[in-house]
Amino acid sequence: MSRIAQFLVVIERADGCYGAYVPDLPGCVAVGKTEREALKHIEEAIQLHVAGLTQAGVQVAEPTSTHRYVFVQLD
């Protein structure tokens, strides 16, 4: 039986590229020249990561990460 999970992906812009990682899947990371490319790569990385865990007999836990924005005054 297959199921669908929604993972939080954090995207960071660096010098000339974008990096992405998944807090609920430690070690699951990807990079790309654009944000769109990084998202494409992280989706592939998530699929590979989950497949590897499943193949190793490790149950993939339900995602728990969420996000909130915090606004602060910058002087």
PDB file of N, CA and C in Angstrom:
ATOM      1  N   MET A   1       0.847  -1.172   0.000  1.00  0.00           N
ATOM      2  CA  MET A   1       0.000   0.000   0.000  1.00  0.00           C
ATOM      3  C   MET A   1       0.896   1.240   0.000  1.00  0.00           C
ATOM      4  N   SER A   2       0.642   2.155  -0.900  1.00  0.00           N
ATOM      5  CA  SER A   2       1.451   3.367  -0.930  1.00  0.00           C
ATOM      6  C   SER A   2       0.734   4.487  -0.192  1.00  0.00           C
ATOM      7  N   ARG A   3       1.510   5.434   0.252  1.00  0.00           N
ATOM      8  CA  ARG A   3       0.955   6.589   0.951  1.00  0.00           C
ATOM      9  C   ARG A   3       1.686   7.828   0.477  1.00  0.00           C
ATOM     10  N   ILE A   4       1.118   8.955   0.724  1.00  0.00           N
ATOM     11  CA  ILE A   4       1.727  10.222   0.334  1.00  0.00           C
ATOM     12  C   ILE A   4       2.115  10.962   1.599  1.00  0.00           C
ATOM     13  N   ALA A   5       3.328  11.496   1.616  1.00  0.00           N
ATOM     14  CA  ALA A   5       3.809  12.286   2.749  1.00  0.00           C
ATOM     15  C   ALA A   5       4.245  13.645   2.238  1.00  0.00           C
ATOM     16  N   GLN A   6       4.053  14.657   3.041  1.00  0.00           N
ATOM     17  CA  GLN A   6       4.460  16.012   2.695  1.00  0.00           C
ATOM     18  C   GLN A   6       5.641  16.391   3.590  1.00  0.00           C
ATOM     19  N   PHE A   7       6.811  16.570   2.977  1.00  0.00           N
ATOM     20  CA  PHE A   7       8.022  16.912   3.715  1.00  0.00           C
ATOM     21  C   PHE A   7       8.331  18.394   3.575  1.00  0.00           C
ATOM     22  N   LEU A   8       8.712  19.006   4.685  1.00  0.00           N
ATOM     23  CA  LEU A   8       9.180  20.387   4.657  1.00  0.00           C
ATOM     24  C   LEU A   8      10.562  20.403   4.018  1.00  0.00           C
ATOM     25  N   VAL A   9      10.752  21.282   3.051  1.00  0.00           N
ATOM     26  CA  VAL A   9      12.043  21.455   2.392  1.00  0.00           C
ATOM     27  C   VAL A   9      12.519  22.874   2.669  1.00  0.00           C
ATOM     28  N   VAL A  10      13.728  22.999   3.170  1.00  0.00           N
ATOM     29  CA  VAL A  10      14.334  24.306   3.418  1.00  0.00           C
ATOM     30  C   VAL A  10      15.265  24.609   2.254  1.00  0.00           C
ATOM     31  N   ILE A  11      15.090  25.795   1.677  1.00  0.00           N
ATOM     32  CA  ILE A  11      15.915  26.207   0.543  1.00  0.00           C
ATOM     33  C   ILE A  11      16.736  27.420   0.970  1.00  0.00           C
ATOM     34  N   GLU A  12      18.028  27.339   0.699  1.00  0.00           N
ATOM     35  CA  GLU A  12      18.934  28.435   1.042  1.00  0.00           C
ATOM     36  C   GLU A  12      19.679  28.893  -0.204  1.00  0.00           C
ATOM     37  N   ARG A  13      19.744  30.198  -0.381  1.00  0.00           N
ATOM     38  CA  ARG A  13      20.493  30.734  -1.510  1.00  0.00           C
ATOM     39  C   ARG A  13      21.924  30.979  -1.070  1.00  0.00           C
ATOM     40  N   ALA A  14      22.849  30.526  -1.885  1.00  0.00           N
ATOM     41  CA  ALA A  14      24.278  30.722  -1.616  1.00  0.00           C
ATOM     42  C   ALA A  14      24.882  31.433  -2.823  1.00  0.00           C
ATOM     43  N   ASP A  15      26.161  31.583  -2.838  1.00  0.00           N
ATOM     44  CA  ASP A  15      26.839  32.241  -3.950  1.00  0.00           C
ATOM     45  C   ASP A  15      26.667  31.436  -5.232  1.00  0.00           C
ATOM     46  N   GLY A  16      25.777  31.893  -6.096  1.00  0.00           N
ATOM     47  CA  GLY A  16      25.623  31.277  -7.402  1.00  0.00           C
ATOM     48  C   GLY A  16      24.855  29.978  -7.454  1.00  0.00           C
ATOM     49  N   CYS A  17      24.235  29.564  -6.342  1.00  0.00           N
ATOM     50  CA  CYS A  17      23.462  28.321  -6.361  1.00  0.00           C
ATOM     51  C   CYS A  17      22.448  28.318  -5.225  1.00  0.00           C
ATOM     52  N   TYR A  18      21.662  27.262  -5.190  1.00  0.00           N
ATOM     53  CA  TYR A  18      20.677  27.060  -4.129  1.00  0.00           C
ATOM     54  C   TYR A  18      20.903  25.688  -3.520  1.00  0.00           C
ATOM     55  N   GLY A  19      20.762  25.618  -2.219  1.00  0.00           N
ATOM     56  CA  GLY A  19      20.842  24.350  -1.517  1.00  0.00           C
ATOM     57  C   GLY A  19      19.494  24.041  -0.897  1.00  0.00           C
ATOM     58  N   ALA A  20      19.182  22.767  -0.775  1.00  0.00           N
ATOM     59  CA  ALA A  20      17.917  22.350  -0.171  1.00  0.00           C
ATOM     60  C   ALA A  20      18.173  21.162   0.748  1.00  0.00           C
ATOM     61  N   TYR A  21      17.425  21.125   1.851  1.00  0.00           N
ATOM     62  CA  TYR A  21      17.515  19.976   2.745  1.00  0.00           C
ATOM     63  C   TYR A  21      16.156  19.713   3.389  1.00  0.00           C
ATOM     64  N   VAL A  22      16.021  18.511   3.937  1.00  0.00           N
ATOM     65  CA  VAL A  22      14.761  18.059   4.530  1.00  0.00           C
ATOM     66  C   VAL A  22      15.019  17.758   6.007  1.00  0.00           C
ATOM     67  N   PRO A  23      14.516  18.602   6.919  1.00  0.00           N
ATOM     68  CA  PRO A  23      14.772  18.382   8.348  1.00  0.00           C
ATOM     69  C   PRO A  23      14.336  17.009   8.858  1.00  0.00           C
ATOM     70  N   ASP A  24      13.276  16.447   8.286  1.00  0.00           N
ATOM     71  CA  ASP A  24      12.781  15.149   8.748  1.00  0.00           C
ATOM     72  C   ASP A  24      13.544  13.965   8.163  1.00  0.00           C
ATOM     73  N   LEU A  25      14.450  14.226   7.227  1.00  0.00           N
ATOM     74  CA  LEU A  25      15.266  13.168   6.634  1.00  0.00           C
ATOM     75  C   LEU A  25      16.731  13.586   6.703  1.00  0.00           C
ATOM     76  N   PRO A  26      17.358  13.454   7.863  1.00  0.00           N
ATOM     77  CA  PRO A  26      18.746  13.884   8.013  1.00  0.00           C
ATOM     78  C   PRO A  26      19.643  13.297   6.925  1.00  0.00           C
ATOM     79  N   GLY A  27      20.438  14.169   6.317  1.00  0.00           N
ATOM     80  CA  GLY A  27      21.349  13.742   5.270  1.00  0.00           C
ATOM     81  C   GLY A  27      20.757  13.854   3.882  1.00  0.00           C
ATOM     82  N   CYS A  28      19.490  14.177   3.785  1.00  0.00           N
ATOM     83  CA  CYS A  28      18.831  14.311   2.477  1.00  0.00           C
ATOM     84  C   CYS A  28      18.994  15.756   2.018  1.00  0.00           C
ATOM     85  N   VAL A  29      19.906  15.962   1.076  1.00  0.00           N
ATOM     86  CA  VAL A  29      20.239  17.304   0.601  1.00  0.00           C
ATOM     87  C   VAL A  29      20.347  17.318  -0.919  1.00  0.00           C
ATOM     88  N   ALA A  30      20.273  18.513  -1.482  1.00  0.00           N
ATOM     89  CA  ALA A  30      20.432  18.679  -2.927  1.00  0.00           C
ATOM     90  C   ALA A  30      20.849  20.110  -3.211  1.00  0.00           C
ATOM     91  N   VAL A  31      21.413  20.326  -4.383  1.00  0.00           N
ATOM     92  CA  VAL A  31      21.788  21.675  -4.818  1.00  0.00           C
ATOM     93  C   VAL A  31      21.338  21.866  -6.265  1.00  0.00           C
ATOM     94  N   GLY A  32      21.256  23.120  -6.658  1.00  0.00           N
ATOM     95  CA  GLY A  32      20.920  23.444  -8.038  1.00  0.00           C
ATOM     96  C   GLY A  32      21.337  24.862  -8.357  1.00  0.00           C
ATOM     97  N   LYS A  33      21.469  25.153  -9.626  1.00  0.00           N
ATOM     98  CA  LYS A  33      21.838  26.504 -10.049  1.00  0.00           C
ATOM     99  C   LYS A  33      20.704  27.491  -9.813  1.00  0.00           C
ATOM    100  N   THR A  34      19.467  26.987  -9.850  1.00  0.00           N
ATOM    101  CA  THR A  34      18.288  27.814  -9.596  1.00  0.00           C
ATOM    102  C   THR A  34      17.467  27.175  -8.489  1.00  0.00           C
ATOM    103  N   GLU A  35      16.527  27.936  -7.942  1.00  0.00           N
ATOM    104  CA  GLU A  35      15.645  27.382  -6.917  1.00  0.00           C
ATOM    105  C   GLU A  35      14.820  26.231  -7.499  1.00  0.00           C
ATOM    106  N   ARG A  36      14.356  26.415  -8.701  1.00  0.00           N
ATOM    107  CA  ARG A  36      13.558  25.376  -9.365  1.00  0.00           C
ATOM    108  C   ARG A  36      14.371  24.088  -9.533  1.00  0.00           C
ATOM    109  N   GLU A  37      15.624  24.233  -9.936  1.00  0.00           N
ATOM    110  CA  GLU A  37      16.485  23.060 -10.106  1.00  0.00           C
ATOM    111  C   GLU A  37      16.750  22.379  -8.771  1.00  0.00           C
ATOM    112  N   ALA A  38      16.983  23.178  -7.724  1.00  0.00           N
ATOM    113  CA  ALA A  38      17.200  22.600  -6.394  1.00  0.00           C
ATOM    114  C   ALA A  38      15.967  21.830  -5.933  1.00  0.00           C
ATOM    115  N   LEU A  39      14.774  22.366  -6.193  1.00  0.00           N
ATOM    116  CA  LEU A  39      13.549  21.667  -5.814  1.00  0.00           C
ATOM    117  C   LEU A  39      13.388  20.356  -6.588  1.00  0.00           C
ATOM    118  N   LYS A  40      13.732  20.367  -7.857  1.00  0.00           N
ATOM    119  CA  LYS A  40      13.664  19.141  -8.661  1.00  0.00           C
ATOM    120  C   LYS A  40      14.619  18.088  -8.089  1.00  0.00           C
ATOM    121  N   HIS A  41      15.825  18.535  -7.763  1.00  0.00           N
ATOM    122  CA  HIS A  41      16.823  17.606  -7.233  1.00  0.00           C
ATOM    123  C   HIS A  41      16.455  17.095  -5.840  1.00  0.00           C
ATOM    124  N   ILE A  42      15.870  17.953  -4.997  1.00  0.00           N
ATOM    125  CA  ILE A  42      15.529  17.489  -3.649  1.00  0.00           C
ATOM    126  C   ILE A  42      14.362  16.510  -3.707  1.00  0.00           C
ATOM    127  N   GLU A  43      13.453  16.694  -4.657  1.00  0.00           N
ATOM    128  CA  GLU A  43      12.367  15.724  -4.808  1.00  0.00           C
ATOM    129  C   GLU A  43      12.927  14.352  -5.179  1.00  0.00           C
ATOM    130  N   GLU A  44      13.888  14.341  -6.094  1.00  0.00           N
ATOM    131  CA  GLU A  44      14.542  13.083  -6.465  1.00  0.00           C
ATOM    132  C   GLU A  44      15.306  12.504  -5.280  1.00  0.00           C
ATOM    133  N   ALA A  45      15.977  13.380  -4.518  1.00  0.00           N
ATOM    134  CA  ALA A  45      16.742  12.924  -3.353  1.00  0.00           C
ATOM    135  C   ALA A  45      15.824  12.316  -2.296  1.00  0.00           C
ATOM    136  N   ILE A  46      14.658  12.921  -2.094  1.00  0.00           N
ATOM    137  CA  ILE A  46      13.703  12.380  -1.119  1.00  0.00           C
ATOM    138  C   ILE A  46      13.263  10.984  -1.548  1.00  0.00           C
ATOM    139  N   GLN A  47      12.935  10.832  -2.813  1.00  0.00           N
ATOM    140  CA  GLN A  47      12.499   9.523  -3.309  1.00  0.00           C
ATOM    141  C   GLN A  47      13.591   8.477  -3.120  1.00  0.00           C
ATOM    142  N   LEU A  48      14.828   8.824  -3.437  1.00  0.00           N
ATOM    143  CA  LEU A  48      15.944   7.887  -3.255  1.00  0.00           C
ATOM    144  C   LEU A  48      16.198   7.585  -1.777  1.00  0.00           C
ATOM    145  N   HIS A  49      16.129   8.619  -0.949  1.00  0.00           N
ATOM    146  CA  HIS A  49      16.361   8.461   0.484  1.00  0.00           C
ATOM    147  C   HIS A  49      15.323   7.516   1.092  1.00  0.00           C
ATOM    148  N   VAL A  50      14.055   7.757   0.766  1.00  0.00           N
ATOM    149  CA  VAL A  50      12.971   6.925   1.294  1.00  0.00           C
ATOM    150  C   VAL A  50      13.100   5.494   0.765  1.00  0.00           C
ATOM    151  N   ALA A  51      13.427   5.342  -0.506  1.00  0.00           N
ATOM    152  CA  ALA A  51      13.616   3.999  -1.071  1.00  0.00           C
ATOM    153  C   ALA A  51      14.749   3.263  -0.362  1.00  0.00           C
ATOM    154  N   GLY A  52      15.844   3.975  -0.063  1.00  0.00           N
ATOM    155  CA  GLY A  52      16.966   3.363   0.646  1.00  0.00           C
ATOM    156  C   GLY A  52      16.592   2.933   2.049  1.00  0.00           C
ATOM    157  N   LEU A  53      15.845   3.787   2.754  1.00  0.00           N
ATOM    158  CA  LEU A  53      15.396   3.426   4.102  1.00  0.00           C
ATOM    159  C   LEU A  53      14.492   2.202   4.055  1.00  0.00           C
ATOM    160  N   THR A  54      13.561   2.201   3.111  1.00  0.00           N
ATOM    161  CA  THR A  54      12.624   1.090   2.969  1.00  0.00           C
ATOM    162  C   THR A  54      13.367  -0.203   2.648  1.00  0.00           C
ATOM    163  N   GLN A  55      14.322  -0.110   1.738  1.00  0.00           N
ATOM    164  CA  GLN A  55      15.107  -1.285   1.350  1.00  0.00           C
ATOM    165  C   GLN A  55      15.909  -1.830   2.537  1.00  0.00           C
ATOM    166  N   ALA A  56      16.338  -0.929   3.423  1.00  0.00           N
ATOM    167  CA  ALA A  56      17.100  -1.339   4.594  1.00  0.00           C
ATOM    168  C   ALA A  56      16.199  -1.825   5.727  1.00  0.00           C
ATOM    169  N   GLY A  57      14.887  -1.799   5.498  1.00  0.00           N
ATOM    170  CA  GLY A  57      13.958  -2.264   6.519  1.00  0.00           C
ATOM    171  C   GLY A  57      13.658  -1.233   7.580  1.00  0.00           C
ATOM    172  N   VAL A  58      13.990   0.022   7.314  1.00  0.00           N
ATOM    173  CA  VAL A  58      13.734   1.107   8.265  1.00  0.00           C
ATOM    174  C   VAL A  58      12.405   1.762   7.902  1.00  0.00           C
ATOM    175  N   GLN A  59      11.512   1.847   8.867  1.00  0.00           N
ATOM    176  CA  GLN A  59      10.226   2.479   8.614  1.00  0.00           C
ATOM    177  C   GLN A  59      10.413   3.989   8.528  1.00  0.00           C
ATOM    178  N   VAL A  60       9.857   4.595   7.504  1.00  0.00           N
ATOM    179  CA  VAL A  60       9.951   6.038   7.325  1.00  0.00           C
ATOM    180  C   VAL A  60       8.905   6.691   8.215  1.00  0.00           C
ATOM    181  N   ALA A  61       9.377   7.513   9.140  1.00  0.00           N
ATOM    182  CA  ALA A  61       8.477   8.175  10.084  1.00  0.00           C
ATOM    183  C   ALA A  61       7.675   9.267   9.382  1.00  0.00           C
ATOM    184  N   GLU A  62       6.516   9.542   9.918  1.00  0.00           N
ATOM    185  CA  GLU A  62       5.702  10.634   9.393  1.00  0.00           C
ATOM    186  C   GLU A  62       6.449  11.952   9.616  1.00  0.00           C
ATOM    187  N   PRO A  63       6.437  12.852   8.651  1.00  0.00           N
ATOM    188  CA  PRO A  63       7.091  14.147   8.811  1.00  0.00           C
ATOM    189  C   PRO A  63       6.457  14.943   9.944  1.00  0.00           C
ATOM    190  N   THR A  64       7.287  15.642  10.703  1.00  0.00           N
ATOM    191  CA  THR A  64       6.782  16.445  11.823  1.00  0.00           C
ATOM    192  C   THR A  64       7.205  17.905  11.751  1.00  0.00           C
ATOM    193  N   SER A  65       8.146  18.242  10.883  1.00  0.00           N
ATOM    194  CA  SER A  65       8.637  19.620  10.816  1.00  0.00           C
ATOM    195  C   SER A  65       7.580  20.562  10.252  1.00  0.00           C
ATOM    196  N   THR A  66       7.553  21.749  10.809  1.00  0.00           N
ATOM    197  CA  THR A  66       6.677  22.814  10.324  1.00  0.00           C
ATOM    198  C   THR A  66       7.503  24.079  10.205  1.00  0.00           C
ATOM    199  N   HIS A  67       6.878  25.148   9.790  1.00  0.00           N
ATOM    200  CA  HIS A  67       7.608  26.408   9.716  1.00  0.00           C
ATOM    201  C   HIS A  67       6.740  27.549  10.235  1.00  0.00           C
ATOM    202  N   ARG A  68       7.397  28.541  10.704  1.00  0.00           N
ATOM    203  CA  ARG A  68       6.780  29.789  11.128  1.00  0.00           C
ATOM    204  C   ARG A  68       7.772  30.899  10.799  1.00  0.00           C
ATOM    205  N   TYR A  69       7.256  32.035  10.463  1.00  0.00           N
ATOM    206  CA  TYR A  69       8.121  33.193  10.262  1.00  0.00           C
ATOM    207  C   TYR A  69       8.096  34.039  11.526  1.00  0.00           C
ATOM    208  N   VAL A  70       9.250  34.554  11.884  1.00  0.00           N
ATOM    209  CA  VAL A  70       9.385  35.438  13.033  1.00  0.00           C
ATOM    210  C   VAL A  70       9.880  36.779  12.505  1.00  0.00           C
ATOM    211  N   PHE A  71       9.157  37.825  12.813  1.00  0.00           N
ATOM    212  CA  PHE A  71       9.520  39.162  12.345  1.00  0.00           C
ATOM    213  C   PHE A  71      10.246  39.907  13.468  1.00  0.00           C
ATOM    214  N   VAL A  72      11.380  40.492  13.134  1.00  0.00           N
ATOM    215  CA  VAL A  72      12.154  41.266  14.102  1.00  0.00           C
ATOM    216  C   VAL A  72      12.527  42.595  13.488  1.00  0.00           C
ATOM    217  N   GLN A  73      12.704  43.583  14.326  1.00  0.00           N
ATOM    218  CA  GLN A  73      13.093  44.921  13.891  1.00  0.00           C
ATOM    219  C   GLN A  73      14.586  44.940  13.581  1.00  0.00           C
ATOM    220  N   LEU A  74      14.956  45.371  12.423  1.00  0.00           N
ATOM    221  CA  LEU A  74      16.361  45.520  12.056  1.00  0.00           C
ATOM    222  C   LEU A  74      16.678  47.005  11.951  1.00  0.00           C
ATOM    223  N   ASP A  75      17.656  47.428  12.689  1.00  0.00           N
ATOM    224  CA  ASP A  75      18.040  48.855  12.658  1.00  0.00           C
ATOM    225  C   ASP A  75      19.234  49.072  11.785  1.00  0.00           C
TER     226      ASP A  75
END
